[in-house]
Amino acid sequence: MANKITCFLGYIAIISLLLARSTLCVPSCVDVVSDSAPCLPFISKTTDSPSDFCCTGIRNVAGMAKSQSDEVQICDCLKANMAEFDYDPKLVAALPKLCLVNITLPPINNSTDCSRVSFGHGIKN
């Protein structure tokens, strides 16, 4: 009986570690906002091109997108936080190409359905 309890507790410990690890890997909205904030002058047409800091941030955000769920969370975060600003959604979509980052960002605005976003292929049909 003690052997079964030890085995069960070991199983619970492994499951707990796996669940904790998956929770830690979720993109933080604070990190997404912090990394993408240097792009605000470009997407709000204050500057003609994205800064090096902006491009570094876009690379960091792209690195956070490890799954469809991550992409949706990143999109939702950007959508919610950019709603306060006057910006051109088409310039959001232009960032990866201008920064030489191999992802596709949709022109995120208040009507973007983030559940359909895929950074590898734009918006899913």
C-alpha atoms as a PDB file:
ATOM      1  CA  MET A   1       0.000   0.000   0.000  1.00  0.00           C
ATOM      2  CA  ALA A   2       2.822   2.429   0.851  1.00  0.00           C
ATOM      3  CA  ASN A   3       4.337   1.690  -2.574  1.00  0.00           C
ATOM      4  CA  LYS A   4       1.078   2.713  -4.307  1.00  0.00           C
ATOM      5  CA  ILE A   5       0.884   5.940  -2.306  1.00  0.00           C
ATOM      6  CA  THR A   6       4.497   6.802  -3.164  1.00  0.00           C
ATOM      7  CA  CYS A   7       3.835   6.112  -6.833  1.00  0.00           C
ATOM      8  CA  PHE A   8       0.668   8.206  -6.756  1.00  0.00           C
ATOM      9  CA  LEU A   9       2.446  11.131  -5.064  1.00  0.00           C
ATOM     10  CA  GLY A  10       5.251  10.894  -7.631  1.00  0.00           C
ATOM     11  CA  TYR A  11       2.662  11.016 -10.416  1.00  0.00           C
ATOM     12  CA  ILE A  12       0.989  14.084  -8.864  1.00  0.00           C
ATOM     13  CA  ALA A  13       4.389  15.802  -8.526  1.00  0.00           C
ATOM     14  CA  ILE A  14       5.209  15.213 -12.209  1.00  0.00           C
ATOM     15  CA  ILE A  15       1.802  16.481 -13.362  1.00  0.00           C
ATOM     16  CA  SER A  16       2.187  19.561 -11.140  1.00  0.00           C
ATOM     17  CA  LEU A  17       5.599  20.330 -12.640  1.00  0.00           C
ATOM     18  CA  LEU A  18       4.274  19.965 -16.164  1.00  0.00           C
ATOM     19  CA  LEU A  19       1.321  22.233 -15.477  1.00  0.00           C
ATOM     20  CA  ALA A  20       3.507  24.830 -13.773  1.00  0.00           C
ATOM     21  CA  ARG A  21       5.960  24.795 -16.664  1.00  0.00           C
ATOM     22  CA  SER A  22       3.230  25.289 -19.278  1.00  0.00           C
ATOM     23  CA  THR A  23       1.833  28.208 -17.280  1.00  0.00           C
ATOM     24  CA  LEU A  24       5.238  29.895 -17.166  1.00  0.00           C
ATOM     25  CA  CYS A  25       5.607  29.659 -20.933  1.00  0.00           C
ATOM     26  CA  VAL A  26       2.530  31.759 -21.685  1.00  0.00           C
ATOM     27  CA  PRO A  27       3.403  35.148 -23.203  1.00  0.00           C
ATOM     28  CA  SER A  28       3.072  37.940 -20.668  1.00  0.00           C
ATOM     29  CA  CYS A  29       1.019  40.903 -21.875  1.00  0.00           C
ATOM     30  CA  VAL A  30       3.411  43.158 -19.962  1.00  0.00           C
ATOM     31  CA  ASP A  31       6.322  41.739 -21.984  1.00  0.00           C
ATOM     32  CA  VAL A  32       4.393  42.043 -25.262  1.00  0.00           C
ATOM     33  CA  VAL A  33       3.545  45.694 -24.548  1.00  0.00           C
ATOM     34  CA  SER A  34       7.061  46.468 -23.349  1.00  0.00           C
ATOM     35  CA  ASP A  35       8.631  44.888 -26.448  1.00  0.00           C
ATOM     36  CA  SER A  36       6.232  46.488 -28.912  1.00  0.00           C
ATOM     37  CA  ALA A  37       6.068  49.964 -27.324  1.00  0.00           C
ATOM     38  CA  PRO A  38       9.124  51.261 -29.239  1.00  0.00           C
ATOM     39  CA  CYS A  39       7.087  50.720 -32.438  1.00  0.00           C
ATOM     40  CA  LEU A  40       4.437  53.276 -31.480  1.00  0.00           C
ATOM     41  CA  PRO A  41       6.194  56.219 -33.179  1.00  0.00           C
ATOM     42  CA  PHE A  42       6.290  54.276 -36.448  1.00  0.00           C
ATOM     43  CA  ILE A  43       2.734  52.912 -36.406  1.00  0.00           C
ATOM     44  CA  SER A  44       1.405  56.336 -35.384  1.00  0.00           C
ATOM     45  CA  LYS A  45       3.275  57.925 -38.324  1.00  0.00           C
ATOM     46  CA  THR A  46       5.579  60.018 -36.135  1.00  0.00           C
ATOM     47  CA  THR A  47       8.657  58.462 -37.772  1.00  0.00           C
ATOM     48  CA  ASP A  48       9.182  57.117 -41.284  1.00  0.00           C
ATOM     49  CA  SER A  49      10.650  53.751 -40.286  1.00  0.00           C
ATOM     50  CA  PRO A  50      10.721  51.431 -37.279  1.00  0.00           C
ATOM     51  CA  SER A  51      13.642  51.952 -34.904  1.00  0.00           C
ATOM     52  CA  ASP A  52      16.176  49.267 -34.044  1.00  0.00           C
ATOM     53  CA  PHE A  53      14.500  49.013 -30.625  1.00  0.00           C
ATOM     54  CA  CYS A  54      11.163  48.433 -32.337  1.00  0.00           C
ATOM     55  CA  CYS A  55      12.586  45.674 -34.530  1.00  0.00           C
ATOM     56  CA  THR A  56      14.253  44.013 -31.552  1.00  0.00           C
ATOM     57  CA  GLY A  57      10.896  44.099 -29.786  1.00  0.00           C
ATOM     58  CA  ILE A  58       9.091  42.575 -32.768  1.00  0.00           C
ATOM     59  CA  ARG A  59      11.685  39.782 -32.838  1.00  0.00           C
ATOM     60  CA  ASN A  60      11.084  39.208 -29.120  1.00  0.00           C
ATOM     61  CA  VAL A  61       7.307  39.114 -29.595  1.00  0.00           C
ATOM     62  CA  ALA A  62       7.708  36.681 -32.510  1.00  0.00           C
ATOM     63  CA  GLY A  63       9.790  34.463 -30.226  1.00  0.00           C
ATOM     64  CA  MET A  64       6.951  34.373 -27.686  1.00  0.00           C
ATOM     65  CA  ALA A  65       4.552  32.967 -30.289  1.00  0.00           C
ATOM     66  CA  LYS A  66       5.218  29.263 -29.910  1.00  0.00           C
ATOM     67  CA  SER A  67       1.623  28.097 -30.451  1.00  0.00           C
ATOM     68  CA  GLN A  68      -1.719  29.250 -31.835  1.00  0.00           C
ATOM     69  CA  SER A  69      -2.811  30.008 -28.276  1.00  0.00           C
ATOM     70  CA  ASP A  70       0.259  32.223 -27.774  1.00  0.00           C
ATOM     71  CA  GLU A  71      -0.523  34.072 -31.015  1.00  0.00           C
ATOM     72  CA  VAL A  72      -4.106  34.705 -29.915  1.00  0.00           C
ATOM     73  CA  GLN A  73      -2.945  35.988 -26.522  1.00  0.00           C
ATOM     74  CA  ILE A  74      -0.367  38.287 -28.127  1.00  0.00           C
ATOM     75  CA  CYS A  75      -2.959  39.614 -30.576  1.00  0.00           C
ATOM     76  CA  ASP A  76      -5.525  40.163 -27.799  1.00  0.00           C
ATOM     77  CA  CYS A  77      -2.908  41.988 -25.740  1.00  0.00           C
ATOM     78  CA  LEU A  78      -1.883  44.266 -28.612  1.00  0.00           C
ATOM     79  CA  LYS A  79      -5.498  44.883 -29.592  1.00  0.00           C
ATOM     80  CA  ALA A  80      -6.480  45.895 -26.058  1.00  0.00           C
ATOM     81  CA  ASN A  81      -3.439  48.063 -25.427  1.00  0.00           C
ATOM     82  CA  MET A  82      -3.294  49.821 -28.778  1.00  0.00           C
ATOM     83  CA  ALA A  83      -6.980  50.805 -28.620  1.00  0.00           C
ATOM     84  CA  GLU A  84      -6.010  53.961 -26.717  1.00  0.00           C
ATOM     85  CA  PHE A  85      -3.735  55.227 -29.486  1.00  0.00           C
ATOM     86  CA  ASP A  86      -4.232  56.729 -32.918  1.00  0.00           C
ATOM     87  CA  TYR A  87      -2.275  54.447 -35.249  1.00  0.00           C
ATOM     88  CA  ASP A  88      -2.363  52.916 -38.721  1.00  0.00           C
ATOM     89  CA  PRO A  89      -3.170  49.155 -38.521  1.00  0.00           C
ATOM     90  CA  LYS A  90      -1.510  48.646 -41.919  1.00  0.00           C
ATOM     91  CA  LEU A  91       1.782  49.750 -40.400  1.00  0.00           C
ATOM     92  CA  VAL A  92       1.408  47.080 -37.689  1.00  0.00           C
ATOM     93  CA  ALA A  93       1.169  44.515 -40.483  1.00  0.00           C
ATOM     94  CA  ALA A  94       4.231  46.049 -42.186  1.00  0.00           C
ATOM     95  CA  LEU A  95       6.497  45.723 -39.130  1.00  0.00           C
ATOM     96  CA  PRO A  96       7.695  42.125 -39.624  1.00  0.00           C
ATOM     97  CA  LYS A  97       8.774  42.737 -43.210  1.00  0.00           C
ATOM     98  CA  LEU A  98      10.472  46.034 -42.388  1.00  0.00           C
ATOM     99  CA  CYS A  99      12.216  44.449 -39.395  1.00  0.00           C
ATOM    100  CA  LEU A 100      13.153  41.281 -41.310  1.00  0.00           C
ATOM    101  CA  VAL A 101      11.180  39.066 -38.920  1.00  0.00           C
ATOM    102  CA  ASN A 102       9.708  35.914 -40.415  1.00  0.00           C
ATOM    103  CA  ILE A 103       6.126  36.227 -39.121  1.00  0.00           C
ATOM    104  CA  THR A 104       2.938  37.716 -40.472  1.00  0.00           C
ATOM    105  CA  LEU A 105       1.072  40.210 -38.330  1.00  0.00           C
ATOM    106  CA  PRO A 106      -2.446  41.194 -39.328  1.00  0.00           C
ATOM    107  CA  PRO A 107      -3.431  44.857 -39.355  1.00  0.00           C
ATOM    108  CA  ILE A 108      -4.556  44.690 -35.710  1.00  0.00           C
ATOM    109  CA  ASN A 109      -7.374  47.070 -34.785  1.00  0.00           C
ATOM    110  CA  ASN A 110     -10.501  47.003 -32.611  1.00  0.00           C
ATOM    111  CA  SER A 111     -12.349  44.756 -35.089  1.00  0.00           C
ATOM    112  CA  THR A 112      -9.594  42.119 -35.430  1.00  0.00           C
ATOM    113  CA  ASP A 113     -10.794  38.631 -34.491  1.00  0.00           C
ATOM    114  CA  CYS A 114      -7.710  37.439 -32.650  1.00  0.00           C
ATOM    115  CA  SER A 115      -9.054  33.889 -32.413  1.00  0.00           C
ATOM    116  CA  ARG A 116      -8.411  33.597 -36.159  1.00  0.00           C
ATOM    117  CA  VAL A 117      -4.869  34.992 -36.168  1.00  0.00           C
ATOM    118  CA  SER A 118      -1.890  32.944 -37.262  1.00  0.00           C
ATOM    119  CA  PHE A 119       1.475  34.696 -37.298  1.00  0.00           C
ATOM    120  CA  GLY A 120       2.748  32.249 -39.877  1.00  0.00           C
ATOM    121  CA  HIS A 121      -0.090  32.726 -42.312  1.00  0.00           C
ATOM    122  CA  GLY A 122      -1.878  35.994 -41.478  1.00  0.00           C
ATOM    123  CA  ILE A 123      -5.584  35.526 -40.758  1.00  0.00           C
ATOM    124  CA  LYS A 124      -7.040  32.044 -41.140  1.00  0.00           C
ATOM    125  CA  ASN A 125     -10.137  31.621 -43.297  1.00  0.00           C
END
